[in-house]
Amino acid sequence: IRCPVKECDEEISHGKYGQHLSGHKEMKGELYSYINKGGRPRQHLLSLTRRAQKHRLRELKRQVKAFAEKEEGGDIKAVCMTLFLLALRAKNEHKQADELEAIMQGRGSGLHPAVCLAIRINTFLSCSQYHKMYRTVKAVTGRQIFQPLHALRTAEKALLPGYHPFEWKPPLKNVSTNTEVGIIDGLSGLPLSIDDYPVDTIAKRFRYDAALVCAL
C-alpha cells in the first residue's frame, strides 16, 4: 500500500501499514478516519467505561505524570485538578469551577449533618417530612445539600449520654463522677421534677436542645 502522507509516498506491506502510519506525528483527522475505515466508530471519551478511558488516556497520563514529577513534586492530582479548573474557566463555567474548588478544599456545598438535624427539629419536621425535603432538594439541584437521615442520626448519637467519656481533673466538689451524661442533662432545663413530666415531653425537649447544640 502506498502511504497517503504528503512527502512520503513510501510503499508498505499491508501488515505494517498501521504501524507505519502511526509513526507520522502530524497525522490529520481525515487520515485517521481513513485508517479507521470499517472499524468501530470512535466513541466520545466520556461515554466510555473507566477501563476504556484509562486505556485511551494512558499516553497522556504518562506525560502528565512525568511533568508532575519534574515540576510539581509528583502531585499528579493537583496538576489534573488545576487543568480541569482552567478548562472550566476558559469556557466561562465559573460556578462549576468554584464548586469544584470548594470540594477540593473540603468545604463542599452541603450542610453539616448536625446543622440539618437542627433545621429538622427547629422547624418541627418529622423524619418522613425531612426525607421528602432532602429527596426533592437533591433531585432539583442535583446536589446533596441536606444530608440523609442516617447522617443526622449519627450526629444525634454523639450528643446522647455516655457517648463522650470524660472526667474532671481534679474531681470537682459536690459534682457526681458519673460520666454517663450527655452534653445536655436529661432535664434540659425543665423547672419541675423529672417525674412530673410525661416521657415523650422530656424526649422532645432533649431533642430540641440537642439540635440547638448541634447547630452551635
N, C-alpha and C. Protein backbone atom coordinates (compact mmCIF):
# COMPACT_ATOMS: atom_id res chain seq x y z
N ILE A 1 0.86 -1.18 0.00
CA ILE A 1 0.00 0.00 0.00
C ILE A 1 0.89 1.23 0.00
N ARG A 2 0.51 2.25 -0.81
CA ARG A 2 1.30 3.48 -0.83
C ARG A 2 0.82 4.40 0.29
N CYS A 3 1.78 4.95 1.03
CA CYS A 3 1.45 5.82 2.16
C CYS A 3 0.83 7.12 1.66
N PRO A 4 -0.36 7.52 2.21
CA PRO A 4 -1.06 8.71 1.73
C PRO A 4 -0.49 10.03 2.26
N VAL A 5 0.46 9.96 3.20
CA VAL A 5 1.00 11.20 3.77
C VAL A 5 1.86 11.91 2.73
N LYS A 6 1.68 13.27 2.64
CA LYS A 6 2.46 14.04 1.66
C LYS A 6 3.95 13.90 1.94
N GLU A 7 4.75 14.04 0.92
CA GLU A 7 6.21 13.90 1.01
C GLU A 7 6.63 12.57 1.64
N CYS A 8 5.84 11.52 1.46
CA CYS A 8 6.31 10.24 1.97
C CYS A 8 6.32 9.24 0.82
N ASP A 9 5.09 8.97 0.29
CA ASP A 9 4.97 8.10 -0.89
C ASP A 9 5.65 6.75 -0.77
N GLU A 10 5.88 6.32 0.45
CA GLU A 10 6.56 5.03 0.62
C GLU A 10 5.56 3.90 0.39
N GLU A 11 6.03 2.77 -0.10
CA GLU A 11 5.14 1.62 -0.24
C GLU A 11 5.37 0.67 0.94
N ILE A 12 4.27 0.32 1.61
CA ILE A 12 4.40 -0.51 2.82
C ILE A 12 3.58 -1.77 2.63
N SER A 13 4.08 -2.87 3.20
CA SER A 13 3.30 -4.11 3.12
C SER A 13 2.06 -3.96 4.00
N HIS A 14 1.00 -4.63 3.62
CA HIS A 14 -0.30 -4.46 4.28
C HIS A 14 -0.21 -4.63 5.79
N GLY A 15 0.56 -5.60 6.25
CA GLY A 15 0.64 -5.88 7.68
C GLY A 15 1.24 -4.75 8.48
N LYS A 16 2.18 -4.00 7.88
CA LYS A 16 2.89 -2.96 8.65
C LYS A 16 2.32 -1.57 8.41
N TYR A 17 1.17 -1.50 7.68
CA TYR A 17 0.64 -0.20 7.27
C TYR A 17 0.25 0.67 8.48
N GLY A 18 -0.53 0.05 9.41
CA GLY A 18 -1.00 0.80 10.58
C GLY A 18 0.17 1.31 11.40
N GLN A 19 1.15 0.44 11.58
CA GLN A 19 2.34 0.78 12.37
C GLN A 19 3.09 1.95 11.72
N HIS A 20 3.21 1.89 10.38
CA HIS A 20 3.92 2.94 9.65
C HIS A 20 3.19 4.28 9.79
N LEU A 21 1.86 4.22 9.64
CA LEU A 21 1.09 5.47 9.70
C LEU A 21 1.19 6.12 11.07
N SER A 22 1.13 5.27 12.12
CA SER A 22 1.17 5.86 13.47
C SER A 22 2.53 6.48 13.73
N GLY A 23 3.51 6.14 12.90
CA GLY A 23 4.83 6.76 13.02
C GLY A 23 4.82 8.21 12.59
N HIS A 24 3.86 8.60 11.75
CA HIS A 24 3.78 10.00 11.32
C HIS A 24 3.17 10.82 12.44
N LYS A 25 3.94 11.74 13.00
CA LYS A 25 3.45 12.51 14.14
C LYS A 25 2.26 13.39 13.73
N GLU A 26 2.40 14.12 12.61
CA GLU A 26 1.37 15.09 12.24
C GLU A 26 0.26 14.41 11.45
N MET A 27 -0.46 13.50 12.13
CA MET A 27 -1.49 12.75 11.42
C MET A 27 -2.76 13.59 11.36
N LYS A 28 -3.32 13.81 10.20
CA LYS A 28 -4.51 14.65 10.05
C LYS A 28 -5.76 13.85 10.40
N GLY A 29 -6.83 14.61 10.72
CA GLY A 29 -8.08 13.95 11.08
C GLY A 29 -8.62 13.06 9.98
N GLU A 30 -8.53 13.56 8.72
CA GLU A 30 -9.11 12.76 7.62
C GLU A 30 -8.32 11.48 7.41
N LEU A 31 -7.01 11.56 7.70
CA LEU A 31 -6.17 10.37 7.57
C LEU A 31 -6.62 9.34 8.58
N TYR A 32 -6.95 9.87 9.79
CA TYR A 32 -7.33 8.96 10.86
C TYR A 32 -8.56 8.18 10.47
N SER A 33 -9.56 8.93 9.93
CA SER A 33 -10.80 8.24 9.58
C SER A 33 -10.52 7.22 8.48
N TYR A 34 -9.50 7.51 7.67
CA TYR A 34 -9.15 6.59 6.59
C TYR A 34 -8.64 5.27 7.16
N ILE A 35 -7.79 5.35 8.21
CA ILE A 35 -7.30 4.11 8.81
C ILE A 35 -8.47 3.36 9.44
N ASN A 36 -9.36 4.16 10.04
CA ASN A 36 -10.40 3.56 10.85
C ASN A 36 -11.53 3.00 10.00
N LYS A 37 -11.39 3.10 8.69
CA LYS A 37 -12.46 2.71 7.77
C LYS A 37 -12.88 1.26 8.05
N GLY A 38 -14.19 1.10 8.26
CA GLY A 38 -14.67 -0.25 8.52
C GLY A 38 -14.47 -0.67 9.96
N GLY A 39 -13.76 0.15 10.73
CA GLY A 39 -13.57 -0.18 12.14
C GLY A 39 -14.74 0.32 12.96
N ARG A 40 -14.62 0.16 14.28
CA ARG A 40 -15.68 0.61 15.16
C ARG A 40 -15.58 2.12 15.26
N PRO A 41 -16.73 2.84 15.21
CA PRO A 41 -16.63 4.30 15.32
C PRO A 41 -16.05 4.69 16.67
N ARG A 42 -15.25 5.73 16.67
CA ARG A 42 -14.59 6.16 17.90
C ARG A 42 -15.60 6.84 18.79
N GLN A 43 -15.80 6.29 19.99
CA GLN A 43 -16.81 6.86 20.89
C GLN A 43 -16.25 8.03 21.67
N HIS A 44 -17.16 8.89 22.14
CA HIS A 44 -16.72 10.04 22.92
C HIS A 44 -16.12 9.56 24.24
N LEU A 45 -15.06 10.23 24.64
CA LEU A 45 -14.31 9.82 25.83
C LEU A 45 -15.22 9.60 27.05
N LEU A 46 -16.16 10.54 27.26
CA LEU A 46 -16.98 10.47 28.47
C LEU A 46 -18.00 9.33 28.44
N SER A 47 -18.24 8.77 27.24
CA SER A 47 -19.24 7.70 27.16
C SER A 47 -18.60 6.33 27.38
N LEU A 48 -17.28 6.29 27.51
CA LEU A 48 -16.59 5.01 27.66
C LEU A 48 -16.63 4.50 29.09
N THR A 49 -16.32 3.22 29.26
CA THR A 49 -16.18 2.68 30.62
C THR A 49 -14.87 3.22 31.20
N ARG A 50 -14.72 3.09 32.51
CA ARG A 50 -13.50 3.60 33.14
C ARG A 50 -12.26 2.93 32.55
N ARG A 51 -12.42 1.64 32.30
CA ARG A 51 -11.26 0.91 31.80
C ARG A 51 -10.84 1.43 30.42
N ALA A 52 -11.86 1.67 29.56
CA ALA A 52 -11.56 2.16 28.21
C ALA A 52 -10.99 3.58 28.26
N GLN A 53 -11.52 4.39 29.19
CA GLN A 53 -10.98 5.75 29.35
C GLN A 53 -9.51 5.68 29.73
N LYS A 54 -9.22 4.80 30.68
CA LYS A 54 -7.85 4.65 31.16
C LYS A 54 -6.94 4.25 30.00
N HIS A 55 -7.45 3.33 29.18
CA HIS A 55 -6.66 2.83 28.06
C HIS A 55 -6.39 3.95 27.05
N ARG A 56 -7.45 4.74 26.76
CA ARG A 56 -7.29 5.77 25.74
C ARG A 56 -6.36 6.89 26.21
N LEU A 57 -6.39 7.16 27.51
CA LEU A 57 -5.61 8.30 28.01
C LEU A 57 -4.26 7.90 28.57
N ARG A 58 -3.87 6.64 28.39
CA ARG A 58 -2.67 6.20 29.11
C ARG A 58 -1.43 6.97 28.69
N GLU A 59 -1.34 7.34 27.40
CA GLU A 59 -0.16 8.08 26.92
C GLU A 59 -0.12 9.47 27.57
N LEU A 60 -1.30 10.12 27.59
CA LEU A 60 -1.38 11.45 28.20
C LEU A 60 -1.05 11.36 29.68
N LYS A 61 -1.56 10.32 30.33
CA LYS A 61 -1.32 10.16 31.76
C LYS A 61 0.18 10.04 32.04
N ARG A 62 0.85 9.32 31.15
CA ARG A 62 2.29 9.14 31.30
C ARG A 62 3.01 10.49 31.22
N GLN A 63 2.57 11.31 30.25
CA GLN A 63 3.18 12.63 30.09
C GLN A 63 2.91 13.52 31.30
N VAL A 64 1.65 13.48 31.78
CA VAL A 64 1.29 14.30 32.94
C VAL A 64 2.10 13.86 34.16
N LYS A 65 2.25 12.54 34.30
CA LYS A 65 3.00 12.00 35.43
C LYS A 65 4.44 12.50 35.38
N ALA A 66 5.02 12.43 34.18
CA ALA A 66 6.41 12.89 34.01
C ALA A 66 6.53 14.36 34.37
N PHE A 67 5.54 15.17 33.90
CA PHE A 67 5.57 16.60 34.19
C PHE A 67 5.44 16.85 35.69
N ALA A 68 4.48 16.13 36.32
CA ALA A 68 4.24 16.34 37.75
C ALA A 68 5.47 15.99 38.57
N GLU A 69 6.14 14.90 38.18
CA GLU A 69 7.33 14.50 38.94
C GLU A 69 8.45 15.51 38.76
N LYS A 70 8.52 16.08 37.57
CA LYS A 70 9.61 17.01 37.29
C LYS A 70 9.36 18.38 37.92
N GLU A 71 8.10 18.86 37.81
CA GLU A 71 7.82 20.25 38.17
C GLU A 71 7.08 20.42 39.50
N GLU A 72 6.20 19.46 39.84
CA GLU A 72 5.29 19.69 40.97
C GLU A 72 5.47 18.71 42.11
N GLY A 73 6.64 18.12 42.21
CA GLY A 73 6.88 17.19 43.31
C GLY A 73 6.02 15.94 43.25
N GLY A 74 5.62 15.55 42.04
CA GLY A 74 4.89 14.29 41.88
C GLY A 74 3.41 14.35 42.20
N ASP A 75 2.86 15.57 42.38
CA ASP A 75 1.44 15.69 42.72
C ASP A 75 0.58 15.70 41.46
N ILE A 76 0.28 14.48 40.95
CA ILE A 76 -0.49 14.38 39.70
C ILE A 76 -1.89 14.96 39.88
N LYS A 77 -2.49 14.67 41.05
CA LYS A 77 -3.87 15.10 41.28
C LYS A 77 -3.98 16.62 41.16
N ALA A 78 -3.03 17.33 41.77
CA ALA A 78 -3.08 18.79 41.73
C ALA A 78 -2.97 19.30 40.29
N VAL A 79 -2.08 18.67 39.52
CA VAL A 79 -1.90 19.10 38.12
C VAL A 79 -3.19 18.90 37.34
N CYS A 80 -3.80 17.71 37.49
CA CYS A 80 -5.03 17.41 36.74
C CYS A 80 -6.18 18.31 37.18
N MET A 81 -6.31 18.51 38.48
CA MET A 81 -7.38 19.36 39.00
C MET A 81 -7.23 20.78 38.47
N THR A 82 -5.99 21.28 38.50
CA THR A 82 -5.75 22.65 38.03
C THR A 82 -6.09 22.76 36.55
N LEU A 83 -5.68 21.76 35.78
CA LEU A 83 -6.01 21.74 34.35
C LEU A 83 -7.52 21.79 34.15
N PHE A 84 -8.22 20.98 34.93
CA PHE A 84 -9.67 20.91 34.80
C PHE A 84 -10.31 22.25 35.14
N LEU A 85 -9.86 22.86 36.25
CA LEU A 85 -10.39 24.17 36.64
C LEU A 85 -10.13 25.21 35.56
N LEU A 86 -8.92 25.19 35.00
CA LEU A 86 -8.60 26.16 33.95
C LEU A 86 -9.48 25.93 32.72
N ALA A 87 -9.71 24.66 32.39
CA ALA A 87 -10.55 24.34 31.23
C ALA A 87 -11.98 24.84 31.46
N LEU A 88 -12.49 24.65 32.69
CA LEU A 88 -13.84 25.13 33.01
C LEU A 88 -13.90 26.65 32.89
N ARG A 89 -12.91 27.32 33.48
CA ARG A 89 -12.94 28.78 33.48
C ARG A 89 -12.76 29.33 32.07
N ALA A 90 -12.00 28.62 31.24
CA ALA A 90 -11.80 29.06 29.86
C ALA A 90 -13.13 29.04 29.11
N LYS A 91 -14.04 28.15 29.54
CA LYS A 91 -15.36 28.10 28.89
C LYS A 91 -16.38 28.90 29.69
N ASN A 92 -15.91 29.75 30.57
CA ASN A 92 -16.77 30.62 31.38
C ASN A 92 -17.69 29.87 32.33
N GLU A 93 -17.34 28.65 32.70
CA GLU A 93 -18.17 27.90 33.64
C GLU A 93 -17.63 28.12 35.05
N HIS A 94 -17.71 29.38 35.49
CA HIS A 94 -17.05 29.74 36.76
C HIS A 94 -17.77 29.14 37.96
N LYS A 95 -19.10 29.00 37.85
CA LYS A 95 -19.85 28.48 39.00
C LYS A 95 -19.39 27.06 39.32
N GLN A 96 -19.31 26.24 38.26
CA GLN A 96 -18.89 24.85 38.46
C GLN A 96 -17.46 24.80 38.99
N ALA A 97 -16.61 25.68 38.45
CA ALA A 97 -15.21 25.72 38.90
C ALA A 97 -15.13 26.10 40.38
N ASP A 98 -15.95 27.07 40.78
CA ASP A 98 -15.95 27.49 42.19
C ASP A 98 -16.38 26.34 43.10
N GLU A 99 -17.42 25.62 42.66
CA GLU A 99 -17.90 24.49 43.46
C GLU A 99 -16.83 23.42 43.58
N LEU A 100 -16.16 23.17 42.47
CA LEU A 100 -15.11 22.15 42.47
C LEU A 100 -13.98 22.56 43.42
N GLU A 101 -13.63 23.84 43.38
CA GLU A 101 -12.58 24.33 44.29
C GLU A 101 -13.01 24.15 45.73
N ALA A 102 -14.28 24.43 46.00
CA ALA A 102 -14.79 24.28 47.36
C ALA A 102 -14.68 22.83 47.82
N ILE A 103 -15.02 21.90 46.93
CA ILE A 103 -14.95 20.48 47.28
C ILE A 103 -13.49 20.08 47.53
N MET A 104 -12.59 20.59 46.68
CA MET A 104 -11.17 20.26 46.84
C MET A 104 -10.64 20.74 48.18
N GLN A 105 -11.15 21.89 48.63
CA GLN A 105 -10.66 22.43 49.90
C GLN A 105 -11.46 21.88 51.08
N GLY A 106 -12.29 20.88 50.80
CA GLY A 106 -13.00 20.22 51.89
C GLY A 106 -14.20 20.98 52.41
N ARG A 107 -14.61 22.06 51.73
CA ARG A 107 -15.84 22.72 52.17
C ARG A 107 -16.86 22.59 51.05
N GLY A 108 -17.52 21.45 51.03
CA GLY A 108 -18.48 21.17 49.97
C GLY A 108 -19.69 22.07 50.09
N SER A 109 -20.60 21.96 49.12
CA SER A 109 -21.77 22.83 49.14
C SER A 109 -22.82 22.32 50.13
N GLY A 110 -22.60 21.10 50.66
CA GLY A 110 -23.61 20.52 51.55
C GLY A 110 -23.54 21.08 52.96
N LEU A 111 -24.64 20.93 53.70
CA LEU A 111 -24.67 21.35 55.11
C LEU A 111 -24.13 20.23 55.99
N HIS A 112 -23.62 20.61 57.14
CA HIS A 112 -23.15 19.61 58.10
C HIS A 112 -24.37 18.86 58.65
N PRO A 113 -24.24 17.52 58.88
CA PRO A 113 -25.40 16.76 59.38
C PRO A 113 -26.00 17.36 60.65
N ALA A 114 -25.15 17.90 61.53
CA ALA A 114 -25.67 18.47 62.78
C ALA A 114 -26.54 19.69 62.49
N VAL A 115 -26.16 20.46 61.48
CA VAL A 115 -26.96 21.64 61.12
C VAL A 115 -28.30 21.19 60.55
N CYS A 116 -28.26 20.10 59.74
CA CYS A 116 -29.51 19.56 59.19
C CYS A 116 -30.43 19.08 60.32
N LEU A 117 -29.82 18.46 61.33
CA LEU A 117 -30.61 17.99 62.47
C LEU A 117 -31.27 19.18 63.16
N ALA A 118 -30.50 20.24 63.35
CA ALA A 118 -31.04 21.44 64.00
C ALA A 118 -32.19 22.00 63.17
N ILE A 119 -32.02 22.04 61.86
CA ILE A 119 -33.09 22.56 61.00
C ILE A 119 -34.32 21.67 61.11
N ARG A 120 -34.10 20.35 61.08
CA ARG A 120 -35.23 19.42 61.12
C ARG A 120 -36.05 19.60 62.40
N ILE A 121 -35.34 19.71 63.54
CA ILE A 121 -36.06 19.76 64.81
C ILE A 121 -36.65 21.14 65.06
N ASN A 122 -35.91 22.17 64.71
CA ASN A 122 -36.41 23.52 64.99
C ASN A 122 -37.51 23.94 64.03
N THR A 123 -37.67 23.22 62.92
CA THR A 123 -38.81 23.50 62.04
C THR A 123 -39.90 22.45 62.24
N PHE A 124 -39.75 21.61 63.26
CA PHE A 124 -40.75 20.61 63.63
C PHE A 124 -41.09 19.66 62.48
N LEU A 125 -40.09 19.26 61.70
CA LEU A 125 -40.34 18.29 60.63
C LEU A 125 -40.21 16.88 61.19
N SER A 126 -41.13 16.01 60.78
CA SER A 126 -40.97 14.59 61.12
C SER A 126 -39.88 14.01 60.23
N CYS A 127 -39.46 12.78 60.56
CA CYS A 127 -38.41 12.15 59.74
C CYS A 127 -38.86 12.02 58.28
N SER A 128 -40.13 11.61 58.09
CA SER A 128 -40.57 11.39 56.71
C SER A 128 -40.69 12.72 55.96
N GLN A 129 -41.13 13.78 56.66
CA GLN A 129 -41.20 15.09 56.00
C GLN A 129 -39.80 15.56 55.61
N TYR A 130 -38.87 15.39 56.55
CA TYR A 130 -37.49 15.80 56.26
C TYR A 130 -36.95 15.01 55.07
N HIS A 131 -37.25 13.70 55.05
CA HIS A 131 -36.73 12.86 53.97
C HIS A 131 -37.28 13.32 52.62
N LYS A 132 -38.57 13.70 52.60
CA LYS A 132 -39.16 14.20 51.35
C LYS A 132 -38.44 15.47 50.91
N MET A 133 -38.16 16.34 51.86
CA MET A 133 -37.48 17.60 51.53
C MET A 133 -36.07 17.30 51.01
N TYR A 134 -35.37 16.42 51.71
CA TYR A 134 -34.00 16.03 51.32
C TYR A 134 -33.99 15.51 49.89
N ARG A 135 -34.97 14.62 49.60
CA ARG A 135 -35.04 13.98 48.28
C ARG A 135 -35.33 15.01 47.19
N THR A 136 -36.29 15.90 47.49
CA THR A 136 -36.68 16.90 46.49
C THR A 136 -35.54 17.85 46.19
N VAL A 137 -34.89 18.34 47.24
CA VAL A 137 -33.79 19.29 47.05
C VAL A 137 -32.68 18.63 46.24
N LYS A 138 -32.40 17.37 46.55
CA LYS A 138 -31.33 16.66 45.84
C LYS A 138 -31.70 16.49 44.37
N ALA A 139 -32.96 16.16 44.11
CA ALA A 139 -33.39 15.94 42.72
C ALA A 139 -33.39 17.24 41.93
N VAL A 140 -33.85 18.32 42.57
CA VAL A 140 -33.99 19.59 41.85
C VAL A 140 -32.63 20.24 41.60
N THR A 141 -31.77 20.25 42.63
CA THR A 141 -30.49 20.96 42.48
C THR A 141 -29.41 20.06 41.92
N GLY A 142 -29.63 18.73 42.01
CA GLY A 142 -28.58 17.82 41.56
C GLY A 142 -27.44 17.72 42.55
N ARG A 143 -27.60 18.36 43.73
CA ARG A 143 -26.53 18.29 44.73
C ARG A 143 -27.12 17.88 46.07
N GLN A 144 -26.31 17.24 46.89
CA GLN A 144 -26.79 16.81 48.21
C GLN A 144 -26.51 17.91 49.21
N ILE A 145 -27.46 18.85 49.32
CA ILE A 145 -27.26 19.98 50.24
C ILE A 145 -27.65 19.55 51.65
N PHE A 146 -28.84 18.97 51.80
CA PHE A 146 -29.22 18.37 53.08
C PHE A 146 -28.65 16.96 53.14
N GLN A 147 -28.34 16.51 54.34
CA GLN A 147 -27.76 15.17 54.49
C GLN A 147 -28.86 14.15 54.76
N PRO A 148 -28.64 12.88 54.36
CA PRO A 148 -29.67 11.86 54.58
C PRO A 148 -29.88 11.59 56.07
N LEU A 149 -31.02 10.99 56.38
CA LEU A 149 -31.41 10.81 57.79
C LEU A 149 -30.39 10.06 58.62
N HIS A 150 -29.74 9.05 58.01
CA HIS A 150 -28.81 8.26 58.84
C HIS A 150 -27.65 9.12 59.33
N ALA A 151 -27.27 10.14 58.53
CA ALA A 151 -26.19 11.04 58.96
C ALA A 151 -26.65 11.89 60.14
N LEU A 152 -27.93 12.29 60.10
CA LEU A 152 -28.47 13.08 61.21
C LEU A 152 -28.50 12.25 62.49
N ARG A 153 -28.87 10.97 62.30
CA ARG A 153 -28.95 10.06 63.45
C ARG A 153 -27.57 9.91 64.10
N THR A 154 -26.55 9.80 63.27
CA THR A 154 -25.19 9.65 63.79
C THR A 154 -24.78 10.91 64.55
N ALA A 155 -25.14 12.07 63.99
CA ALA A 155 -24.80 13.33 64.66
C ALA A 155 -25.50 13.41 66.01
N GLU A 156 -26.73 12.92 66.05
CA GLU A 156 -27.51 12.99 67.28
C GLU A 156 -26.95 12.05 68.34
N LYS A 157 -26.48 10.89 67.89
CA LYS A 157 -25.92 9.91 68.84
C LYS A 157 -24.77 10.53 69.63
N ALA A 158 -24.00 11.36 68.97
CA ALA A 158 -22.83 11.94 69.63
C ALA A 158 -23.23 12.85 70.79
N LEU A 159 -24.52 13.23 70.83
CA LEU A 159 -24.97 14.12 71.90
C LEU A 159 -25.65 13.36 73.03
N LEU A 160 -25.88 12.06 72.83
CA LEU A 160 -26.60 11.30 73.85
C LEU A 160 -25.66 10.92 74.99
N PRO A 161 -26.24 10.67 76.18
CA PRO A 161 -25.40 10.35 77.34
C PRO A 161 -24.49 9.17 77.07
N GLY A 162 -23.26 9.26 77.58
CA GLY A 162 -22.35 8.13 77.50
C GLY A 162 -21.55 8.05 76.21
N TYR A 163 -21.79 8.96 75.29
CA TYR A 163 -21.06 8.87 74.02
C TYR A 163 -19.63 9.38 74.20
N HIS A 164 -19.50 10.53 74.87
CA HIS A 164 -18.16 11.07 75.12
C HIS A 164 -17.77 10.80 76.56
N PRO A 165 -16.83 9.87 76.81
CA PRO A 165 -16.41 9.66 78.19
C PRO A 165 -15.54 10.84 78.64
N PHE A 166 -15.71 11.27 79.87
CA PHE A 166 -14.85 12.35 80.36
C PHE A 166 -14.77 12.26 81.88
N GLU A 167 -13.78 12.89 82.46
CA GLU A 167 -13.74 13.02 83.92
C GLU A 167 -13.07 14.34 84.27
N TRP A 168 -13.50 14.89 85.40
CA TRP A 168 -12.90 16.15 85.83
C TRP A 168 -11.58 15.86 86.50
N LYS A 169 -10.55 16.64 86.15
CA LYS A 169 -9.27 16.51 86.85
C LYS A 169 -8.85 17.90 87.30
N PRO A 170 -8.69 18.16 88.58
CA PRO A 170 -9.05 17.26 89.69
C PRO A 170 -10.57 17.16 89.82
N PRO A 171 -11.07 16.11 90.53
CA PRO A 171 -12.53 15.96 90.68
C PRO A 171 -13.12 17.19 91.37
N LEU A 172 -14.31 17.60 90.91
CA LEU A 172 -14.94 18.79 91.48
C LEU A 172 -15.72 18.42 92.74
N LYS A 173 -15.74 19.35 93.69
CA LYS A 173 -16.52 19.14 94.91
C LYS A 173 -18.00 19.14 94.55
N ASN A 174 -18.77 18.30 95.23
CA ASN A 174 -20.23 18.26 95.06
C ASN A 174 -20.68 17.97 93.63
N VAL A 175 -19.79 17.41 92.79
CA VAL A 175 -20.20 17.07 91.42
C VAL A 175 -20.04 15.57 91.26
N SER A 176 -21.08 14.93 90.75
CA SER A 176 -21.04 13.48 90.59
C SER A 176 -19.93 13.09 89.62
N THR A 177 -19.29 11.95 89.89
CA THR A 177 -18.22 11.48 88.99
C THR A 177 -18.81 10.65 87.85
N ASN A 178 -20.13 10.53 87.80
CA ASN A 178 -20.77 9.74 86.75
C ASN A 178 -20.53 10.36 85.38
N THR A 179 -20.00 9.54 84.45
CA THR A 179 -19.74 10.10 83.11
C THR A 179 -20.86 9.76 82.13
N GLU A 180 -21.89 9.06 82.60
CA GLU A 180 -22.97 8.67 81.69
C GLU A 180 -23.94 9.82 81.46
N VAL A 181 -23.43 10.96 81.07
CA VAL A 181 -24.32 12.09 80.80
C VAL A 181 -23.99 12.63 79.42
N GLY A 182 -24.98 13.26 78.83
CA GLY A 182 -24.76 13.83 77.51
C GLY A 182 -24.23 15.24 77.64
N ILE A 183 -24.18 15.94 76.51
CA ILE A 183 -23.76 17.33 76.54
C ILE A 183 -24.79 18.12 77.34
N ILE A 184 -26.04 17.66 77.24
CA ILE A 184 -27.12 18.30 77.96
C ILE A 184 -27.67 17.27 78.94
N ASP A 185 -27.98 17.69 80.17
CA ASP A 185 -28.50 16.69 81.10
C ASP A 185 -29.95 16.36 80.74
N GLY A 186 -30.45 15.25 81.32
CA GLY A 186 -31.76 14.75 80.94
C GLY A 186 -32.89 15.74 81.16
N LEU A 187 -32.76 16.62 82.16
CA LEU A 187 -33.85 17.55 82.45
C LEU A 187 -33.91 18.68 81.43
N SER A 188 -32.78 19.00 80.84
CA SER A 188 -32.74 20.04 79.82
C SER A 188 -33.41 21.33 80.29
N GLY A 189 -33.13 21.71 81.52
CA GLY A 189 -33.61 23.00 81.99
C GLY A 189 -35.10 23.05 82.31
N LEU A 190 -35.74 21.88 82.46
CA LEU A 190 -37.16 21.91 82.86
C LEU A 190 -37.22 22.21 84.36
N PRO A 191 -38.14 23.09 84.78
CA PRO A 191 -38.14 23.53 86.18
C PRO A 191 -38.61 22.46 87.17
N LEU A 192 -39.61 21.64 86.80
CA LEU A 192 -40.17 20.70 87.77
C LEU A 192 -39.32 19.45 87.90
N SER A 193 -39.72 18.57 88.79
CA SER A 193 -39.03 17.29 88.94
C SER A 193 -39.31 16.44 87.71
N ILE A 194 -38.37 15.59 87.39
CA ILE A 194 -38.48 14.81 86.16
C ILE A 194 -39.70 13.90 86.16
N ASP A 195 -40.16 13.50 87.37
CA ASP A 195 -41.30 12.58 87.45
C ASP A 195 -42.62 13.26 87.08
N ASP A 196 -42.63 14.59 87.06
CA ASP A 196 -43.89 15.29 86.79
C ASP A 196 -44.16 15.48 85.31
N TYR A 197 -43.27 15.00 84.45
CA TYR A 197 -43.47 15.18 83.01
C TYR A 197 -43.67 13.84 82.33
N PRO A 198 -44.57 13.77 81.34
CA PRO A 198 -44.63 12.53 80.56
C PRO A 198 -43.32 12.33 79.80
N VAL A 199 -42.98 11.06 79.58
CA VAL A 199 -41.68 10.74 78.99
C VAL A 199 -41.46 11.42 77.65
N ASP A 200 -42.52 11.45 76.81
CA ASP A 200 -42.27 11.98 75.47
C ASP A 200 -41.98 13.48 75.50
N THR A 201 -42.50 14.19 76.52
CA THR A 201 -42.16 15.61 76.64
C THR A 201 -40.67 15.76 76.87
N ILE A 202 -40.15 14.93 77.78
CA ILE A 202 -38.73 15.00 78.10
C ILE A 202 -37.91 14.67 76.86
N ALA A 203 -38.34 13.62 76.15
CA ALA A 203 -37.60 13.22 74.95
C ALA A 203 -37.59 14.35 73.93
N LYS A 204 -38.77 14.95 73.71
CA LYS A 204 -38.84 16.03 72.71
C LYS A 204 -37.97 17.20 73.14
N ARG A 205 -38.06 17.51 74.44
CA ARG A 205 -37.31 18.65 74.94
C ARG A 205 -35.81 18.40 74.78
N PHE A 206 -35.41 17.16 75.07
CA PHE A 206 -33.99 16.82 74.92
C PHE A 206 -33.57 16.96 73.47
N ARG A 207 -34.40 16.46 72.54
CA ARG A 207 -34.04 16.52 71.13
C ARG A 207 -33.91 17.96 70.69
N TYR A 208 -34.80 18.81 71.19
CA TYR A 208 -34.79 20.22 70.80
C TYR A 208 -33.48 20.87 71.23
N ASP A 209 -33.10 20.63 72.49
CA ASP A 209 -31.85 21.21 72.99
C ASP A 209 -30.66 20.62 72.27
N ALA A 210 -30.74 19.32 72.00
CA ALA A 210 -29.64 18.66 71.29
C ALA A 210 -29.44 19.31 69.93
N ALA A 211 -30.56 19.65 69.29
CA ALA A 211 -30.48 20.26 67.97
C ALA A 211 -29.81 21.63 68.05
N LEU A 212 -30.15 22.39 69.10
CA LEU A 212 -29.53 23.71 69.25
C LEU A 212 -28.02 23.58 69.43
N VAL A 213 -27.63 22.62 70.27
CA VAL A 213 -26.20 22.41 70.49
C VAL A 213 -25.53 21.99 69.18
N CYS A 214 -26.22 21.12 68.43
CA CYS A 214 -25.70 20.70 67.13
C CYS A 214 -25.38 21.90 66.26
N ALA A 215 -26.35 22.81 66.20
CA ALA A 215 -26.18 23.97 65.33
C ALA A 215 -24.99 24.80 65.78
N LEU A 216 -24.84 24.93 67.10
CA LEU A 216 -23.70 25.70 67.61
C LEU A 216 -22.40 25.03 67.24
